[in-house]
Amino acid sequence: VAVDVKRRDKNDASKGWDVYTHGGRINTNKDAIQWIKEAEMRGAGEILLTSMDCDGTKSGFDIPLYKLVSETVKIPVIASGGAGDISHMIEVLENGKADAVLAASIFHFNELTVYDIKKSLKEKGVNIRL
């Protein structure tokens, strides 16, 4: 299940996140954590979670978001939104406890290749297929 979320307060993760639809144009006013728990309960096999606050910024992932979701559900969580370099990916996998990472902008601008990233992650001890 793909879930797009935005912080209620950009500077305070403790205020939580809301779920957005229609490409981020409509706030459902649903609490992201509750919605993701419901998706798991309904049979979702994994969560593709996009932080709209970080998406496209290449400034890193919303670590508190991914950590909370990963600790809340038992299904895999794929982190999306914020990948700017390999250190961001390692941080969300280690500190954010994400099971996988999605990246886009760094590929759109030919900053890194998939192979470069996979090789670097492997060298850092991340379990990944080359």
N, C-alpha and C. Protein backbone atom coordinates (compact mmCIF):
# COMPACT_ATOMS: atom_id res chain seq x y z
N VAL A 1 0.85 -1.17 0.00
CA VAL A 1 0.00 0.00 0.00
C VAL A 1 0.89 1.23 0.00
N ALA A 2 0.64 2.15 -0.92
CA ALA A 2 1.39 3.41 -0.98
C ALA A 2 0.67 4.45 -0.13
N VAL A 3 1.42 5.10 0.76
CA VAL A 3 0.85 6.10 1.65
C VAL A 3 1.71 7.36 1.58
N ASP A 4 1.08 8.48 1.25
CA ASP A 4 1.75 9.78 1.22
C ASP A 4 1.35 10.56 2.46
N VAL A 5 2.35 11.06 3.19
CA VAL A 5 2.05 11.76 4.44
C VAL A 5 2.79 13.09 4.51
N LYS A 6 2.23 13.97 5.33
CA LYS A 6 2.85 15.27 5.58
C LYS A 6 2.74 15.56 7.07
N ARG A 7 3.81 16.14 7.62
CA ARG A 7 3.80 16.51 9.04
C ARG A 7 2.73 17.56 9.30
N ARG A 8 2.09 17.43 10.45
CA ARG A 8 1.14 18.47 10.87
C ARG A 8 1.88 19.75 11.22
N ASP A 9 3.07 19.60 11.76
CA ASP A 9 3.93 20.74 12.10
C ASP A 9 5.32 20.39 11.58
N LYS A 10 5.79 21.14 10.58
CA LYS A 10 7.07 20.81 9.94
C LYS A 10 8.23 20.72 10.91
N ASN A 11 8.15 21.43 12.02
CA ASN A 11 9.27 21.47 12.96
C ASN A 11 9.10 20.54 14.16
N ASP A 12 7.98 19.82 14.23
CA ASP A 12 7.71 19.02 15.42
C ASP A 12 7.05 17.69 15.04
N ALA A 13 7.87 16.65 14.95
CA ALA A 13 7.36 15.33 14.58
C ALA A 13 6.36 14.78 15.59
N SER A 14 6.44 15.25 16.83
CA SER A 14 5.53 14.73 17.86
C SER A 14 4.07 15.09 17.60
N LYS A 15 3.82 16.05 16.71
CA LYS A 15 2.44 16.43 16.37
C LYS A 15 1.81 15.44 15.39
N GLY A 16 2.64 14.57 14.79
CA GLY A 16 2.13 13.53 13.91
C GLY A 16 2.09 13.92 12.44
N TRP A 17 1.52 13.03 11.65
CA TRP A 17 1.45 13.17 10.20
C TRP A 17 0.03 12.88 9.73
N ASP A 18 -0.39 13.57 8.68
CA ASP A 18 -1.68 13.31 8.05
C ASP A 18 -1.45 12.60 6.72
N VAL A 19 -2.43 11.80 6.31
CA VAL A 19 -2.40 11.10 5.03
C VAL A 19 -2.99 12.02 3.96
N TYR A 20 -2.32 12.08 2.82
CA TYR A 20 -2.77 12.88 1.68
C TYR A 20 -3.05 11.97 0.50
N THR A 21 -3.98 12.41 -0.36
CA THR A 21 -4.31 11.68 -1.58
C THR A 21 -4.23 12.63 -2.77
N HIS A 22 -4.51 12.10 -3.94
CA HIS A 22 -4.55 12.89 -5.17
C HIS A 22 -3.25 13.65 -5.40
N GLY A 23 -2.14 12.91 -5.30
CA GLY A 23 -0.84 13.54 -5.55
C GLY A 23 -0.48 14.60 -4.53
N GLY A 24 -0.99 14.45 -3.33
CA GLY A 24 -0.65 15.39 -2.26
C GLY A 24 -1.53 16.61 -2.19
N ARG A 25 -2.61 16.64 -2.96
CA ARG A 25 -3.47 17.82 -2.98
C ARG A 25 -4.57 17.79 -1.93
N ILE A 26 -4.96 16.59 -1.49
CA ILE A 26 -6.09 16.48 -0.56
C ILE A 26 -5.64 15.86 0.75
N ASN A 27 -5.82 16.61 1.83
CA ASN A 27 -5.55 16.11 3.17
C ASN A 27 -6.78 15.33 3.63
N THR A 28 -6.59 14.06 3.93
CA THR A 28 -7.71 13.23 4.38
C THR A 28 -8.03 13.46 5.85
N ASN A 29 -7.14 14.15 6.55
CA ASN A 29 -7.24 14.34 8.00
C ASN A 29 -7.19 13.02 8.76
N LYS A 30 -6.70 11.97 8.09
CA LYS A 30 -6.50 10.68 8.77
C LYS A 30 -5.09 10.68 9.35
N ASP A 31 -4.98 10.20 10.58
CA ASP A 31 -3.67 10.06 11.20
C ASP A 31 -2.89 8.97 10.46
N ALA A 32 -1.68 9.29 10.04
CA ALA A 32 -0.89 8.37 9.24
C ALA A 32 -0.62 7.05 9.95
N ILE A 33 -0.27 7.11 11.22
CA ILE A 33 0.06 5.89 11.94
C ILE A 33 -1.17 4.99 12.06
N GLN A 34 -2.32 5.57 12.38
CA GLN A 34 -3.55 4.78 12.49
C GLN A 34 -3.93 4.18 11.13
N TRP A 35 -3.77 4.96 10.07
CA TRP A 35 -4.13 4.48 8.73
C TRP A 35 -3.22 3.33 8.31
N ILE A 36 -1.93 3.45 8.59
CA ILE A 36 -0.98 2.39 8.24
C ILE A 36 -1.27 1.12 9.04
N LYS A 37 -1.60 1.27 10.31
CA LYS A 37 -1.98 0.11 11.12
C LYS A 37 -3.23 -0.56 10.54
N GLU A 38 -4.18 0.25 10.10
CA GLU A 38 -5.40 -0.30 9.50
C GLU A 38 -5.08 -1.03 8.19
N ALA A 39 -4.19 -0.45 7.39
CA ALA A 39 -3.79 -1.10 6.14
C ALA A 39 -3.18 -2.47 6.41
N GLU A 40 -2.33 -2.53 7.44
CA GLU A 40 -1.73 -3.82 7.81
C GLU A 40 -2.82 -4.80 8.24
N MET A 41 -3.74 -4.33 9.07
CA MET A 41 -4.82 -5.18 9.56
C MET A 41 -5.68 -5.71 8.40
N ARG A 42 -5.84 -4.91 7.36
CA ARG A 42 -6.65 -5.31 6.21
C ARG A 42 -5.90 -6.22 5.25
N GLY A 43 -4.61 -6.47 5.52
CA GLY A 43 -3.87 -7.42 4.71
C GLY A 43 -2.76 -6.86 3.85
N ALA A 44 -2.41 -5.61 4.02
CA ALA A 44 -1.30 -5.04 3.23
C ALA A 44 -0.04 -5.86 3.48
N GLY A 45 0.71 -6.10 2.43
CA GLY A 45 1.95 -6.88 2.55
C GLY A 45 3.17 -6.04 2.83
N GLU A 46 3.10 -4.77 2.48
CA GLU A 46 4.18 -3.82 2.74
C GLU A 46 3.63 -2.41 2.59
N ILE A 47 4.39 -1.45 3.10
CA ILE A 47 3.99 -0.05 3.03
C ILE A 47 5.06 0.72 2.27
N LEU A 48 4.66 1.38 1.18
CA LEU A 48 5.52 2.33 0.49
C LEU A 48 5.16 3.69 1.05
N LEU A 49 6.00 4.20 1.93
CA LEU A 49 5.70 5.40 2.70
C LEU A 49 6.50 6.59 2.18
N THR A 50 5.79 7.61 1.69
CA THR A 50 6.45 8.81 1.18
C THR A 50 6.21 9.98 2.10
N SER A 51 7.31 10.57 2.54
CA SER A 51 7.24 11.82 3.30
C SER A 51 7.19 12.96 2.29
N MET A 52 6.03 13.60 2.18
CA MET A 52 5.89 14.70 1.24
C MET A 52 6.73 15.90 1.65
N ASP A 53 7.04 16.01 2.93
CA ASP A 53 7.88 17.11 3.40
C ASP A 53 9.30 16.99 2.85
N CYS A 54 9.76 15.76 2.66
CA CYS A 54 11.14 15.52 2.23
C CYS A 54 11.25 15.17 0.75
N ASP A 55 10.15 14.79 0.14
CA ASP A 55 10.16 14.31 -1.24
C ASP A 55 10.74 15.35 -2.18
N GLY A 56 11.73 14.94 -2.97
CA GLY A 56 12.35 15.82 -3.95
C GLY A 56 13.38 16.79 -3.40
N THR A 57 13.56 16.81 -2.10
CA THR A 57 14.50 17.77 -1.50
C THR A 57 15.94 17.30 -1.55
N LYS A 58 16.14 15.99 -1.62
CA LYS A 58 17.47 15.39 -1.57
C LYS A 58 18.24 15.79 -0.31
N SER A 59 17.50 16.06 0.78
CA SER A 59 18.14 16.51 2.02
C SER A 59 18.03 15.48 3.15
N GLY A 60 17.62 14.27 2.83
CA GLY A 60 17.51 13.22 3.83
C GLY A 60 16.06 12.86 4.12
N PHE A 61 15.90 11.72 4.75
CA PHE A 61 14.58 11.17 5.06
C PHE A 61 14.06 11.70 6.39
N ASP A 62 12.75 11.60 6.59
CA ASP A 62 12.12 11.96 7.86
C ASP A 62 12.30 10.77 8.81
N ILE A 63 13.44 10.72 9.46
CA ILE A 63 13.80 9.57 10.30
C ILE A 63 12.75 9.26 11.37
N PRO A 64 12.25 10.26 12.11
CA PRO A 64 11.23 9.93 13.13
C PRO A 64 10.00 9.23 12.54
N LEU A 65 9.60 9.62 11.35
CA LEU A 65 8.44 9.00 10.69
C LEU A 65 8.71 7.52 10.42
N TYR A 66 9.80 7.23 9.74
CA TYR A 66 10.08 5.84 9.36
C TYR A 66 10.35 4.97 10.58
N LYS A 67 11.00 5.52 11.57
CA LYS A 67 11.27 4.77 12.80
C LYS A 67 9.96 4.40 13.49
N LEU A 68 9.07 5.37 13.64
CA LEU A 68 7.79 5.12 14.30
C LEU A 68 6.97 4.08 13.55
N VAL A 69 6.86 4.24 12.24
CA VAL A 69 6.07 3.29 11.45
C VAL A 69 6.70 1.90 11.50
N SER A 70 8.01 1.83 11.33
CA SER A 70 8.69 0.53 11.34
C SER A 70 8.55 -0.19 12.67
N GLU A 71 8.49 0.58 13.75
CA GLU A 71 8.31 -0.02 15.08
C GLU A 71 6.85 -0.34 15.38
N THR A 72 5.93 0.20 14.58
CA THR A 72 4.50 0.02 14.82
C THR A 72 3.93 -1.18 14.08
N VAL A 73 4.39 -1.41 12.85
CA VAL A 73 3.85 -2.51 12.04
C VAL A 73 4.85 -3.64 11.92
N LYS A 74 4.34 -4.80 11.52
CA LYS A 74 5.20 -5.98 11.36
C LYS A 74 5.55 -6.23 9.90
N ILE A 75 4.95 -5.48 8.99
CA ILE A 75 5.22 -5.67 7.56
C ILE A 75 6.35 -4.73 7.13
N PRO A 76 7.01 -5.04 6.00
CA PRO A 76 8.11 -4.19 5.53
C PRO A 76 7.66 -2.76 5.21
N VAL A 77 8.56 -1.83 5.50
CA VAL A 77 8.33 -0.41 5.22
C VAL A 77 9.40 0.05 4.23
N ILE A 78 8.95 0.62 3.12
CA ILE A 78 9.84 1.17 2.11
C ILE A 78 9.84 2.68 2.27
N ALA A 79 11.02 3.25 2.52
CA ALA A 79 11.15 4.69 2.73
C ALA A 79 11.28 5.42 1.40
N SER A 80 10.47 6.44 1.22
CA SER A 80 10.48 7.25 0.01
C SER A 80 10.42 8.72 0.39
N GLY A 81 11.24 9.52 -0.28
CA GLY A 81 11.20 10.97 -0.05
C GLY A 81 12.39 11.48 0.73
N GLY A 82 13.39 12.00 0.00
CA GLY A 82 14.51 12.63 0.67
C GLY A 82 15.89 12.12 0.29
N ALA A 83 15.98 11.05 -0.48
CA ALA A 83 17.29 10.49 -0.81
C ALA A 83 18.11 11.47 -1.64
N GLY A 84 19.22 11.92 -1.06
CA GLY A 84 20.11 12.82 -1.78
C GLY A 84 21.48 12.23 -1.99
N ASP A 85 21.83 11.30 -1.11
CA ASP A 85 23.10 10.60 -1.25
C ASP A 85 23.03 9.29 -0.48
N ILE A 86 24.08 8.53 -0.56
CA ILE A 86 24.09 7.20 0.05
C ILE A 86 23.98 7.28 1.56
N SER A 87 24.55 8.31 2.17
CA SER A 87 24.47 8.42 3.64
C SER A 87 23.03 8.55 4.11
N HIS A 88 22.18 9.20 3.31
CA HIS A 88 20.77 9.32 3.67
C HIS A 88 20.11 7.94 3.68
N MET A 89 20.47 7.12 2.70
CA MET A 89 19.89 5.78 2.61
C MET A 89 20.32 4.92 3.79
N ILE A 90 21.58 4.99 4.12
CA ILE A 90 22.08 4.22 5.27
C ILE A 90 21.40 4.69 6.54
N GLU A 91 21.25 5.99 6.70
CA GLU A 91 20.62 6.53 7.91
C GLU A 91 19.18 6.03 8.07
N VAL A 92 18.40 6.03 6.98
CA VAL A 92 17.01 5.59 7.11
C VAL A 92 16.91 4.08 7.31
N LEU A 93 17.85 3.34 6.77
CA LEU A 93 17.85 1.89 6.99
C LEU A 93 18.27 1.56 8.42
N GLU A 94 19.27 2.26 8.93
CA GLU A 94 19.76 1.98 10.28
C GLU A 94 18.93 2.68 11.35
N ASN A 95 18.86 3.99 11.31
CA ASN A 95 18.18 4.76 12.36
C ASN A 95 16.67 4.81 12.18
N GLY A 96 16.23 4.84 10.92
CA GLY A 96 14.80 4.87 10.64
C GLY A 96 14.17 3.49 10.61
N LYS A 97 15.02 2.46 10.61
CA LYS A 97 14.58 1.07 10.64
C LYS A 97 13.74 0.66 9.43
N ALA A 98 13.88 1.40 8.31
CA ALA A 98 13.18 1.03 7.09
C ALA A 98 13.75 -0.29 6.56
N ASP A 99 12.92 -1.02 5.83
CA ASP A 99 13.35 -2.28 5.25
C ASP A 99 13.93 -2.10 3.85
N ALA A 100 13.56 -1.02 3.20
CA ALA A 100 14.04 -0.74 1.85
C ALA A 100 13.94 0.77 1.61
N VAL A 101 14.60 1.20 0.53
CA VAL A 101 14.65 2.62 0.21
C VAL A 101 14.27 2.82 -1.25
N LEU A 102 13.49 3.86 -1.50
CA LEU A 102 13.16 4.28 -2.85
C LEU A 102 13.86 5.60 -3.10
N ALA A 103 14.47 5.74 -4.27
CA ALA A 103 15.12 7.00 -4.64
C ALA A 103 14.71 7.34 -6.07
N ALA A 104 14.60 8.63 -6.35
CA ALA A 104 14.22 9.04 -7.70
C ALA A 104 15.07 10.21 -8.19
N SER A 105 15.05 11.32 -7.48
CA SER A 105 15.72 12.54 -7.95
C SER A 105 17.18 12.32 -8.29
N ILE A 106 17.89 11.54 -7.48
CA ILE A 106 19.31 11.33 -7.75
C ILE A 106 19.54 10.58 -9.05
N PHE A 107 18.52 9.85 -9.50
CA PHE A 107 18.63 9.16 -10.78
C PHE A 107 18.19 10.08 -11.93
N HIS A 108 17.19 10.91 -11.69
CA HIS A 108 16.72 11.83 -12.73
C HIS A 108 17.84 12.74 -13.22
N PHE A 109 18.71 13.12 -12.30
CA PHE A 109 19.78 14.06 -12.63
C PHE A 109 21.13 13.37 -12.81
N ASN A 110 21.09 12.03 -12.96
CA ASN A 110 22.29 11.23 -13.21
C ASN A 110 23.41 11.48 -12.21
N GLU A 111 23.03 11.71 -10.94
CA GLU A 111 24.03 11.94 -9.91
C GLU A 111 24.69 10.65 -9.47
N LEU A 112 23.93 9.58 -9.44
CA LEU A 112 24.43 8.25 -9.08
C LEU A 112 23.71 7.23 -9.94
N THR A 113 24.34 6.07 -10.08
CA THR A 113 23.67 4.97 -10.76
C THR A 113 23.17 3.98 -9.71
N VAL A 114 22.24 3.14 -10.12
CA VAL A 114 21.74 2.12 -9.21
C VAL A 114 22.90 1.24 -8.75
N TYR A 115 23.78 0.89 -9.68
CA TYR A 115 24.91 0.04 -9.32
C TYR A 115 25.81 0.73 -8.30
N ASP A 116 26.11 2.02 -8.49
CA ASP A 116 26.95 2.75 -7.53
C ASP A 116 26.35 2.68 -6.13
N ILE A 117 25.06 2.90 -6.05
CA ILE A 117 24.39 2.90 -4.74
C ILE A 117 24.43 1.51 -4.13
N LYS A 118 24.08 0.50 -4.92
CA LYS A 118 24.06 -0.86 -4.39
C LYS A 118 25.45 -1.29 -3.92
N LYS A 119 26.47 -0.94 -4.69
CA LYS A 119 27.84 -1.29 -4.33
C LYS A 119 28.24 -0.61 -3.02
N SER A 120 27.93 0.66 -2.89
CA SER A 120 28.26 1.41 -1.67
C SER A 120 27.51 0.86 -0.46
N LEU A 121 26.24 0.55 -0.64
CA LEU A 121 25.46 -0.01 0.47
C LEU A 121 26.04 -1.36 0.90
N LYS A 122 26.41 -2.18 -0.08
CA LYS A 122 27.01 -3.48 0.22
C LYS A 122 28.30 -3.29 1.02
N GLU A 123 29.13 -2.33 0.60
CA GLU A 123 30.39 -2.04 1.30
C GLU A 123 30.16 -1.58 2.73
N LYS A 124 29.01 -0.95 2.98
CA LYS A 124 28.67 -0.46 4.32
C LYS A 124 27.99 -1.54 5.17
N GLY A 125 27.85 -2.74 4.60
CA GLY A 125 27.29 -3.84 5.37
C GLY A 125 25.80 -4.04 5.22
N VAL A 126 25.18 -3.31 4.30
CA VAL A 126 23.75 -3.47 4.06
C VAL A 126 23.54 -4.74 3.23
N ASN A 127 22.59 -5.57 3.63
CA ASN A 127 22.29 -6.80 2.92
C ASN A 127 21.55 -6.45 1.63
N ILE A 128 22.27 -6.55 0.51
CA ILE A 128 21.69 -6.15 -0.78
C ILE A 128 22.28 -7.00 -1.89
N ARG A 129 21.47 -7.29 -2.90
CA ARG A 129 21.95 -8.03 -4.08
C ARG A 129 22.60 -7.05 -5.05
N LEU A 130 23.75 -7.44 -5.59
CA LEU A 130 24.37 -6.64 -6.65
C LEU A 130 23.89 -7.16 -7.98
